[in-house]
């Protein structure tokens, strides 16, 4: 069987949720499937850690001169001329051309509940991609029964097409570290104890503003210095988060470290 898999997100240098999901999915497919033939579609050459040794996995660089809309443009042309038996997309947008069978990972429909936390472009892209997925996907993978019910409710997808597969944990990376290593990591990032830490994209939909307000209330009651450490890249509409930080009477204790290499996060 010939399986096409969108590896473009897994190949991004600074990964967050969906990118890590695609990355680990690929690595585990390398381990368990030596029979099926795979094309790993990517915008540019795969990084060394993603380049497969298995002969049944082939890198397929799909060029697209416009930069944006790679899935709808470049990948659509690739599928048109080289149609796989199964196409798997780890996010919300299918190319315009279908494969023989089509599978997608649909993580949630948070934009239906909090549309004000997305830009108009993000909302249009998510809604368009979701409607297309609901229409053409032969199978939909989602991460919880709550998301499954949301997809059925908002897009009238038959229950038989949705499979709940829970997210896993990479125990080779995520385990308690030695206290000395933790102290060294905190020192390197100039973090004083005690502290709270939030790891994730600085996006309105993550309720960062609510967390800052709670921190303000906490500090009003607890009369000692703490730190609120925000680890993650800023997103669209980040100005509202910045304004909330600047209005906080404890803004000197709220620190933004930006994106950090994943090796530092377990510390």
C-alpha atoms as a PDB file:
ATOM      1  CA  UNK A   1       0.000   0.000   0.000  1.00  0.00           C
ATOM      2  CA  UNK A   2       1.203   3.502  -0.893  1.00  0.00           C
ATOM      3  CA  UNK A   3       0.641   6.020   1.926  1.00  0.00           C
ATOM      4  CA  UNK A   4       1.261   9.740   1.552  1.00  0.00           C
ATOM      5  CA  UNK A   5       1.946  11.643   4.771  1.00  0.00           C
ATOM      6  CA  UNK A   6       2.260  15.397   5.288  1.00  0.00           C
ATOM      7  CA  UNK A   7       5.616  15.731   7.107  1.00  0.00           C
ATOM      8  CA  UNK A   8       5.891  19.519   6.682  1.00  0.00           C
ATOM      9  CA  UNK A   9       4.787  20.336  10.225  1.00  0.00           C
ATOM     10  CA  UNK A  10       7.047  17.709  11.776  1.00  0.00           C
ATOM     11  CA  UNK A  11       9.922  19.298   9.847  1.00  0.00           C
ATOM     12  CA  UNK A  12       9.567  22.791  11.358  1.00  0.00           C
ATOM     13  CA  UNK A  13      12.535  23.876  13.502  1.00  0.00           C
ATOM     14  CA  UNK A  14      10.445  25.445  16.294  1.00  0.00           C
ATOM     15  CA  UNK A  15       7.707  22.978  17.146  1.00  0.00           C
ATOM     16  CA  UNK A  16       4.629  23.322  19.317  1.00  0.00           C
ATOM     17  CA  UNK A  17       1.658  20.980  19.771  1.00  0.00           C
ATOM     18  CA  UNK A  18       0.654  19.827  16.289  1.00  0.00           C
ATOM     19  CA  UNK A  19       4.268  19.838  15.082  1.00  0.00           C
ATOM     20  CA  UNK A  20       5.361  17.543  17.930  1.00  0.00           C
ATOM     21  CA  UNK A  21       2.326  15.347  17.330  1.00  0.00           C
ATOM     22  CA  UNK A  22       3.363  14.856  13.688  1.00  0.00           C
ATOM     23  CA  UNK A  23       7.038  14.415  14.606  1.00  0.00           C
ATOM     24  CA  UNK A  24       6.465  11.616  17.117  1.00  0.00           C
ATOM     25  CA  UNK A  25       3.878   9.950  14.915  1.00  0.00           C
ATOM     26  CA  UNK A  26       6.477   9.718  12.152  1.00  0.00           C
ATOM     27  CA  UNK A  27       9.178   8.345  14.438  1.00  0.00           C
ATOM     28  CA  UNK A  28       6.890   5.633  15.708  1.00  0.00           C
ATOM     29  CA  UNK A  29       5.750   4.700  12.218  1.00  0.00           C
ATOM     30  CA  UNK A  30       9.421   4.200  11.370  1.00  0.00           C
ATOM     31  CA  UNK A  31       9.561   1.627  14.177  1.00  0.00           C
ATOM     32  CA  UNK A  32       6.401  -0.355  13.482  1.00  0.00           C
ATOM     33  CA  UNK A  33       5.808  -0.370   9.707  1.00  0.00           C
ATOM     34  CA  UNK A  34       8.279  -2.043   7.366  1.00  0.00           C
ATOM     35  CA  UNK A  35       5.713  -3.204   4.794  1.00  0.00           C
ATOM     36  CA  UNK A  36       3.780  -0.225   3.454  1.00  0.00           C
ATOM     37  CA  UNK A  37       5.394   2.335   1.161  1.00  0.00           C
ATOM     38  CA  UNK A  38       5.419   5.939   2.412  1.00  0.00           C
ATOM     39  CA  UNK A  39       6.016   9.273   0.759  1.00  0.00           C
ATOM     40  CA  UNK A  40       6.827  11.970   3.335  1.00  0.00           C
ATOM     41  CA  UNK A  41       5.682  15.232   1.764  1.00  0.00           C
ATOM     42  CA  UNK A  42       7.676  18.262   2.829  1.00  0.00           C
ATOM     43  CA  UNK A  43       8.326  21.811   1.644  1.00  0.00           C
ATOM     44  CA  UNK A  44      12.088  21.493   2.108  1.00  0.00           C
ATOM     45  CA  UNK A  45      14.617  18.802   2.857  1.00  0.00           C
ATOM     46  CA  UNK A  46      13.871  16.836   5.998  1.00  0.00           C
ATOM     47  CA  UNK A  47      16.111  17.431   8.998  1.00  0.00           C
ATOM     48  CA  UNK A  48      18.605  14.697   9.841  1.00  0.00           C
ATOM     49  CA  UNK A  49      16.516  13.389  12.735  1.00  0.00           C
ATOM     50  CA  UNK A  50      13.486  12.988  10.473  1.00  0.00           C
ATOM     51  CA  UNK A  51      15.290  11.460   7.508  1.00  0.00           C
ATOM     52  CA  UNK A  52      14.263   7.801   7.560  1.00  0.00           C
ATOM     53  CA  UNK A  53      16.694   4.891   7.277  1.00  0.00           C
ATOM     54  CA  UNK A  54      13.854   2.543   6.349  1.00  0.00           C
ATOM     55  CA  UNK A  55      13.735   1.827   2.612  1.00  0.00           C
ATOM     56  CA  UNK A  56       9.932   1.915   2.611  1.00  0.00           C
ATOM     57  CA  UNK A  57       9.920   5.608   3.664  1.00  0.00           C
ATOM     58  CA  UNK A  58      10.844   8.125   0.977  1.00  0.00           C
ATOM     59  CA  UNK A  59      11.312  11.864   1.303  1.00  0.00           C
ATOM     60  CA  UNK A  60       9.232  13.789  -1.243  1.00  0.00           C
ATOM     61  CA  UNK A  61      10.131  17.476  -1.490  1.00  0.00           C
ATOM     62  CA  UNK A  62       7.188  19.380  -2.967  1.00  0.00           C
ATOM     63  CA  UNK A  63       8.171  22.834  -4.192  1.00  0.00           C
ATOM     64  CA  UNK A  64       5.706  25.708  -4.114  1.00  0.00           C
ATOM     65  CA  UNK A  65       6.959  29.170  -5.132  1.00  0.00           C
ATOM     66  CA  UNK A  66       4.276  31.184  -3.314  1.00  0.00           C
ATOM     67  CA  UNK A  67       5.377  30.113   0.172  1.00  0.00           C
ATOM     68  CA  UNK A  68       1.908  30.276   1.745  1.00  0.00           C
ATOM     69  CA  UNK A  69      -0.923  27.854   0.931  1.00  0.00           C
ATOM     70  CA  UNK A  70       1.525  24.987   0.331  1.00  0.00           C
ATOM     71  CA  UNK A  71      -1.072  22.337   1.200  1.00  0.00           C
ATOM     72  CA  UNK A  72      -3.709  23.774  -1.136  1.00  0.00           C
ATOM     73  CA  UNK A  73      -1.205  24.484  -3.917  1.00  0.00           C
ATOM     74  CA  UNK A  74       1.941  22.367  -4.075  1.00  0.00           C
ATOM     75  CA  UNK A  75       0.578  19.313  -2.286  1.00  0.00           C
ATOM     76  CA  UNK A  76      -2.594  19.365  -4.400  1.00  0.00           C
ATOM     77  CA  UNK A  77      -0.503  19.176  -7.578  1.00  0.00           C
ATOM     78  CA  UNK A  78       1.573  16.344  -6.121  1.00  0.00           C
ATOM     79  CA  UNK A  79      -1.550  14.321  -5.260  1.00  0.00           C
ATOM     80  CA  UNK A  80      -3.021  15.025  -8.705  1.00  0.00           C
ATOM     81  CA  UNK A  81      -0.105  13.403 -10.514  1.00  0.00           C
ATOM     82  CA  UNK A  82       0.911  10.824  -7.887  1.00  0.00           C
ATOM     83  CA  UNK A  83      -2.238   9.708  -6.093  1.00  0.00           C
ATOM     84  CA  UNK A  84      -1.560   7.620  -2.952  1.00  0.00           C
ATOM     85  CA  UNK A  85      -3.822   4.854  -1.678  1.00  0.00           C
ATOM     86  CA  UNK A  86      -4.113   6.730   1.623  1.00  0.00           C
ATOM     87  CA  UNK A  87      -3.332  10.363   2.391  1.00  0.00           C
ATOM     88  CA  UNK A  88      -2.788  11.318   6.031  1.00  0.00           C
ATOM     89  CA  UNK A  89      -2.775  14.968   7.166  1.00  0.00           C
ATOM     90  CA  UNK A  90      -1.933  15.618  10.855  1.00  0.00           C
ATOM     91  CA  UNK A  91      -3.770  18.954  10.976  1.00  0.00           C
ATOM     92  CA  UNK A  92      -6.979  20.548   9.733  1.00  0.00           C
ATOM     93  CA  UNK A  93      -6.453  21.211   6.021  1.00  0.00           C
ATOM     94  CA  UNK A  94      -6.670  18.708   3.162  1.00  0.00           C
ATOM     95  CA  UNK A  95      -5.230  19.545  -0.264  1.00  0.00           C
ATOM     96  CA  UNK A  96      -7.745  20.350  -2.999  1.00  0.00           C
ATOM     97  CA  UNK A  97      -7.147  16.986  -4.692  1.00  0.00           C
ATOM     98  CA  UNK A  98      -8.256  13.836  -2.875  1.00  0.00           C
ATOM     99  CA  UNK A  99      -6.364  10.572  -2.590  1.00  0.00           C
ATOM    100  CA  UNK A 100      -8.137   7.221  -2.859  1.00  0.00           C
ATOM    101  CA  UNK A 101      -8.691   7.275   0.909  1.00  0.00           C
ATOM    102  CA  UNK A 102      -8.221  10.311   3.157  1.00  0.00           C
ATOM    103  CA  UNK A 103      -7.422  10.466   6.878  1.00  0.00           C
ATOM    104  CA  UNK A 104      -6.979  13.568   9.023  1.00  0.00           C
ATOM    105  CA  UNK A 105      -6.184  14.423  12.642  1.00  0.00           C
ATOM    106  CA  UNK A 106      -8.714  16.955  13.918  1.00  0.00           C
ATOM    107  CA  UNK A 107      -7.594  18.063  17.349  1.00  0.00           C
ATOM    108  CA  UNK A 108     -10.432  20.318  18.520  1.00  0.00           C
ATOM    109  CA  UNK A 109     -12.955  22.989  17.508  1.00  0.00           C
ATOM    110  CA  UNK A 110     -11.988  25.611  20.097  1.00  0.00           C
ATOM    111  CA  UNK A 111     -12.476  28.334  17.491  1.00  0.00           C
ATOM    112  CA  UNK A 112     -16.235  27.631  17.647  1.00  0.00           C
ATOM    113  CA  UNK A 113     -16.316  28.531  21.335  1.00  0.00           C
ATOM    114  CA  UNK A 114     -13.767  31.363  21.461  1.00  0.00           C
ATOM    115  CA  UNK A 115     -13.731  32.968  17.992  1.00  0.00           C
ATOM    116  CA  UNK A 116     -12.575  36.296  19.452  1.00  0.00           C
ATOM    117  CA  UNK A 117      -9.185  34.699  20.229  1.00  0.00           C
ATOM    118  CA  UNK A 118      -8.441  34.091  16.536  1.00  0.00           C
ATOM    119  CA  UNK A 119      -7.727  36.443  13.650  1.00  0.00           C
ATOM    120  CA  UNK A 120     -10.155  36.622  10.746  1.00  0.00           C
ATOM    121  CA  UNK A 121      -7.660  34.780   8.569  1.00  0.00           C
ATOM    122  CA  UNK A 122      -7.229  32.000  11.157  1.00  0.00           C
ATOM    123  CA  UNK A 123     -10.997  31.615  11.542  1.00  0.00           C
ATOM    124  CA  UNK A 124     -11.564  31.495   7.786  1.00  0.00           C
ATOM    125  CA  UNK A 125      -8.791  28.950   7.321  1.00  0.00           C
ATOM    126  CA  UNK A 126      -9.991  26.735  10.179  1.00  0.00           C
ATOM    127  CA  UNK A 127     -13.620  26.868   9.133  1.00  0.00           C
ATOM    128  CA  UNK A 128     -12.880  26.182   5.468  1.00  0.00           C
ATOM    129  CA  UNK A 129     -10.511  23.330   6.311  1.00  0.00           C
ATOM    130  CA  UNK A 130     -12.930  21.827   8.811  1.00  0.00           C
ATOM    131  CA  UNK A 131     -15.883  21.850   6.417  1.00  0.00           C
ATOM    132  CA  UNK A 132     -13.770  20.158   3.757  1.00  0.00           C
ATOM    133  CA  UNK A 133     -12.488  17.557   6.230  1.00  0.00           C
ATOM    134  CA  UNK A 134     -16.039  16.824   7.379  1.00  0.00           C
ATOM    135  CA  UNK A 135     -17.045  16.288   3.780  1.00  0.00           C
ATOM    136  CA  UNK A 136     -14.222  14.168   2.353  1.00  0.00           C
ATOM    137  CA  UNK A 137     -12.403  12.428   5.211  1.00  0.00           C
ATOM    138  CA  UNK A 138     -12.878   8.674   5.203  1.00  0.00           C
ATOM    139  CA  UNK A 139     -11.561   8.618   8.767  1.00  0.00           C
ATOM    140  CA  UNK A 140     -11.047  11.359  11.353  1.00  0.00           C
ATOM    141  CA  UNK A 141      -8.677  10.943  14.289  1.00  0.00           C
ATOM    142  CA  UNK A 142      -9.320  13.146  17.292  1.00  0.00           C
ATOM    143  CA  UNK A 143      -7.781  13.298  20.755  1.00  0.00           C
ATOM    144  CA  UNK A 144     -10.761  13.093  23.153  1.00  0.00           C
ATOM    145  CA  UNK A 145     -14.399  12.110  23.355  1.00  0.00           C
ATOM    146  CA  UNK A 146     -15.201  15.777  23.984  1.00  0.00           C
ATOM    147  CA  UNK A 147     -13.646  16.761  20.638  1.00  0.00           C
ATOM    148  CA  UNK A 148     -15.428  13.844  18.964  1.00  0.00           C
ATOM    149  CA  UNK A 149     -18.792  15.096  20.234  1.00  0.00           C
ATOM    150  CA  UNK A 150     -17.959  18.652  19.135  1.00  0.00           C
ATOM    151  CA  UNK A 151     -17.098  17.518  15.605  1.00  0.00           C
ATOM    152  CA  UNK A 152     -20.332  15.538  15.376  1.00  0.00           C
ATOM    153  CA  UNK A 153     -22.346  18.462  16.749  1.00  0.00           C
ATOM    154  CA  UNK A 154     -20.901  21.306  14.679  1.00  0.00           C
ATOM    155  CA  UNK A 155     -20.200  19.472  11.407  1.00  0.00           C
ATOM    156  CA  UNK A 156     -22.700  16.592  11.440  1.00  0.00           C
ATOM    157  CA  UNK A 157     -20.021  13.974  10.939  1.00  0.00           C
ATOM    158  CA  UNK A 158     -21.149  10.387  11.409  1.00  0.00           C
ATOM    159  CA  UNK A 159     -19.795   8.778  14.569  1.00  0.00           C
ATOM    160  CA  UNK A 160     -18.519   5.793  12.565  1.00  0.00           C
ATOM    161  CA  UNK A 161     -15.964   8.030  10.786  1.00  0.00           C
ATOM    162  CA  UNK A 162     -14.379   9.373  14.001  1.00  0.00           C
ATOM    163  CA  UNK A 163     -11.776   7.476  16.015  1.00  0.00           C
ATOM    164  CA  UNK A 164     -10.580   8.767  19.398  1.00  0.00           C
ATOM    165  CA  UNK A 165      -6.851   8.148  19.900  1.00  0.00           C
ATOM    166  CA  UNK A 166      -5.470   9.750  23.049  1.00  0.00           C
ATOM    167  CA  UNK A 167      -2.217  11.666  23.024  1.00  0.00           C
ATOM    168  CA  UNK A 168       0.818   9.925  24.485  1.00  0.00           C
ATOM    169  CA  UNK A 169       3.846  10.961  26.491  1.00  0.00           C
ATOM    170  CA  UNK A 170       7.493  10.633  25.538  1.00  0.00           C
ATOM    171  CA  UNK A 171       8.849   9.089  28.751  1.00  0.00           C
ATOM    172  CA  UNK A 172      12.372   9.125  27.336  1.00  0.00           C
ATOM    173  CA  UNK A 173      12.268  12.917  27.671  1.00  0.00           C
ATOM    174  CA  UNK A 174       9.681  13.667  30.344  1.00  0.00           C
ATOM    175  CA  UNK A 175      10.826  12.386  33.709  1.00  0.00           C
ATOM    176  CA  UNK A 176      12.014  14.068  36.951  1.00  0.00           C
ATOM    177  CA  UNK A 177      15.555  15.462  36.703  1.00  0.00           C
ATOM    178  CA  UNK A 178      18.249  15.726  39.330  1.00  0.00           C
ATOM    179  CA  UNK A 179      17.900  18.764  41.588  1.00  0.00           C
ATOM    180  CA  UNK A 180      21.368  20.013  40.616  1.00  0.00           C
ATOM    181  CA  UNK A 181      20.415  19.948  36.906  1.00  0.00           C
ATOM    182  CA  UNK A 182      17.190  21.816  37.634  1.00  0.00           C
ATOM    183  CA  UNK A 183      19.044  24.511  39.579  1.00  0.00           C
ATOM    184  CA  UNK A 184      21.545  24.879  36.745  1.00  0.00           C
ATOM    185  CA  UNK A 185      18.737  25.246  34.208  1.00  0.00           C
ATOM    186  CA  UNK A 186      16.979  27.872  36.311  1.00  0.00           C
ATOM    187  CA  UNK A 187      20.228  29.748  36.773  1.00  0.00           C
ATOM    188  CA  UNK A 188      20.902  29.725  33.027  1.00  0.00           C
ATOM    189  CA  UNK A 189      17.512  31.363  32.438  1.00  0.00           C
ATOM    190  CA  UNK A 190      17.874  33.744  35.410  1.00  0.00           C
ATOM    191  CA  UNK A 191      14.852  32.295  37.209  1.00  0.00           C
ATOM    192  CA  UNK A 192      14.644  32.703  40.973  1.00  0.00           C
ATOM    193  CA  UNK A 193      12.517  30.416  43.111  1.00  0.00           C
ATOM    194  CA  UNK A 194       9.683  30.318  43.941  1.00  0.00           C
ATOM    195  CA  UNK A 195       7.958  30.447  40.571  1.00  0.00           C
ATOM    196  CA  UNK A 196       5.028  29.377  38.447  1.00  0.00           C
ATOM    197  CA  UNK A 197       5.694  28.357  34.859  1.00  0.00           C
ATOM    198  CA  UNK A 198       3.422  28.104  31.819  1.00  0.00           C
ATOM    199  CA  UNK A 199       4.708  26.302  28.711  1.00  0.00           C
ATOM    200  CA  UNK A 200       2.755  26.964  25.542  1.00  0.00           C
ATOM    201  CA  UNK A 201       2.198  29.422  22.738  1.00  0.00           C
ATOM    202  CA  UNK A 202       1.319  32.909  23.980  1.00  0.00           C
ATOM    203  CA  UNK A 203      -2.100  32.954  22.365  1.00  0.00           C
ATOM    204  CA  UNK A 204      -5.373  34.423  23.600  1.00  0.00           C
ATOM    205  CA  UNK A 205      -7.062  31.042  23.268  1.00  0.00           C
ATOM    206  CA  UNK A 206      -4.690  29.632  25.920  1.00  0.00           C
ATOM    207  CA  UNK A 207      -6.276  32.002  28.488  1.00  0.00           C
ATOM    208  CA  UNK A 208      -2.948  33.640  29.324  1.00  0.00           C
ATOM    209  CA  UNK A 209      -4.849  36.802  30.326  1.00  0.00           C
ATOM    210  CA  UNK A 210      -6.924  34.842  32.841  1.00  0.00           C
ATOM    211  CA  UNK A 211      -3.752  33.338  34.287  1.00  0.00           C
ATOM    212  CA  UNK A 212      -2.157  36.777  34.712  1.00  0.00           C
ATOM    213  CA  UNK A 213      -5.274  38.031  36.543  1.00  0.00           C
ATOM    214  CA  UNK A 214      -5.149  35.012  38.847  1.00  0.00           C
ATOM    215  CA  UNK A 215      -1.461  35.663  39.498  1.00  0.00           C
ATOM    216  CA  UNK A 216      -2.303  39.259  40.432  1.00  0.00           C
ATOM    217  CA  UNK A 217      -4.915  38.029  42.915  1.00  0.00           C
ATOM    218  CA  UNK A 218      -2.493  35.497  44.345  1.00  0.00           C
ATOM    219  CA  UNK A 219       0.247  38.077  44.851  1.00  0.00           C
ATOM    220  CA  UNK A 220      -2.173  40.527  46.449  1.00  0.00           C
ATOM    221  CA  UNK A 221      -2.786  37.930  49.161  1.00  0.00           C
ATOM    222  CA  UNK A 222       0.723  36.439  49.362  1.00  0.00           C
ATOM    223  CA  UNK A 223       3.105  39.241  50.321  1.00  0.00           C
ATOM    224  CA  UNK A 224       6.348  37.867  48.926  1.00  0.00           C
ATOM    225  CA  UNK A 225       8.065  37.909  45.545  1.00  0.00           C
ATOM    226  CA  UNK A 226       7.315  35.145  43.074  1.00  0.00           C
ATOM    227  CA  UNK A 227       7.914  34.707  39.358  1.00  0.00           C
ATOM    228  CA  UNK A 228       5.423  33.934  36.601  1.00  0.00           C
ATOM    229  CA  UNK A 229       7.455  32.450  33.741  1.00  0.00           C
ATOM    230  CA  UNK A 230       5.881  32.304  30.263  1.00  0.00           C
ATOM    231  CA  UNK A 231       7.633  29.951  27.836  1.00  0.00           C
ATOM    232  CA  UNK A 232       6.434  30.008  24.224  1.00  0.00           C
ATOM    233  CA  UNK A 233       6.292  32.000  21.029  1.00  0.00           C
ATOM    234  CA  UNK A 234       3.876  34.940  20.774  1.00  0.00           C
ATOM    235  CA  UNK A 235       0.866  34.466  18.509  1.00  0.00           C
ATOM    236  CA  UNK A 236      -1.498  36.729  16.644  1.00  0.00           C
ATOM    237  CA  UNK A 237      -3.435  39.163  18.868  1.00  0.00           C
ATOM    238  CA  UNK A 238      -0.527  39.050  21.313  1.00  0.00           C
ATOM    239  CA  UNK A 239      -0.961  42.793  21.953  1.00  0.00           C
ATOM    240  CA  UNK A 240      -3.789  42.082  24.423  1.00  0.00           C
ATOM    241  CA  UNK A 241      -1.544  39.775  26.430  1.00  0.00           C
ATOM    242  CA  UNK A 242       1.226  42.376  26.456  1.00  0.00           C
ATOM    243  CA  UNK A 243      -1.234  45.025  27.631  1.00  0.00           C
ATOM    244  CA  UNK A 244      -2.399  42.780  30.493  1.00  0.00           C
ATOM    245  CA  UNK A 245       1.203  42.205  31.582  1.00  0.00           C
ATOM    246  CA  UNK A 246       1.973  45.935  31.474  1.00  0.00           C
ATOM    247  CA  UNK A 247      -1.121  46.729  33.562  1.00  0.00           C
ATOM    248  CA  UNK A 248      -0.167  44.212  36.231  1.00  0.00           C
ATOM    249  CA  UNK A 249       1.204  45.740  39.467  1.00  0.00           C
ATOM    250  CA  UNK A 250       3.560  42.745  39.478  1.00  0.00           C
ATOM    251  CA  UNK A 251       4.735  43.069  35.887  1.00  0.00           C
ATOM    252  CA  UNK A 252       8.392  42.969  36.982  1.00  0.00           C
ATOM    253  CA  UNK A 253       7.775  39.385  38.143  1.00  0.00           C
ATOM    254  CA  UNK A 254       6.184  38.265  34.849  1.00  0.00           C
ATOM    255  CA  UNK A 255       8.873  37.093  32.451  1.00  0.00           C
ATOM    256  CA  UNK A 256       8.590  35.979  28.849  1.00  0.00           C
ATOM    257  CA  UNK A 257      11.356  33.578  27.807  1.00  0.00           C
ATOM    258  CA  UNK A 258      10.037  32.986  24.292  1.00  0.00           C
ATOM    259  CA  UNK A 259      10.525  29.634  22.599  1.00  0.00           C
ATOM    260  CA  UNK A 260      13.053  27.373  24.317  1.00  0.00           C
ATOM    261  CA  UNK A 261      14.761  24.268  22.921  1.00  0.00           C
ATOM    262  CA  UNK A 262      12.786  21.191  23.934  1.00  0.00           C
ATOM    263  CA  UNK A 263      15.744  19.699  25.807  1.00  0.00           C
ATOM    264  CA  UNK A 264      15.417  22.506  28.367  1.00  0.00           C
ATOM    265  CA  UNK A 265      11.707  22.067  29.065  1.00  0.00           C
ATOM    266  CA  UNK A 266      11.798  19.018  31.390  1.00  0.00           C
ATOM    267  CA  UNK A 267      14.034  21.004  33.751  1.00  0.00           C
END
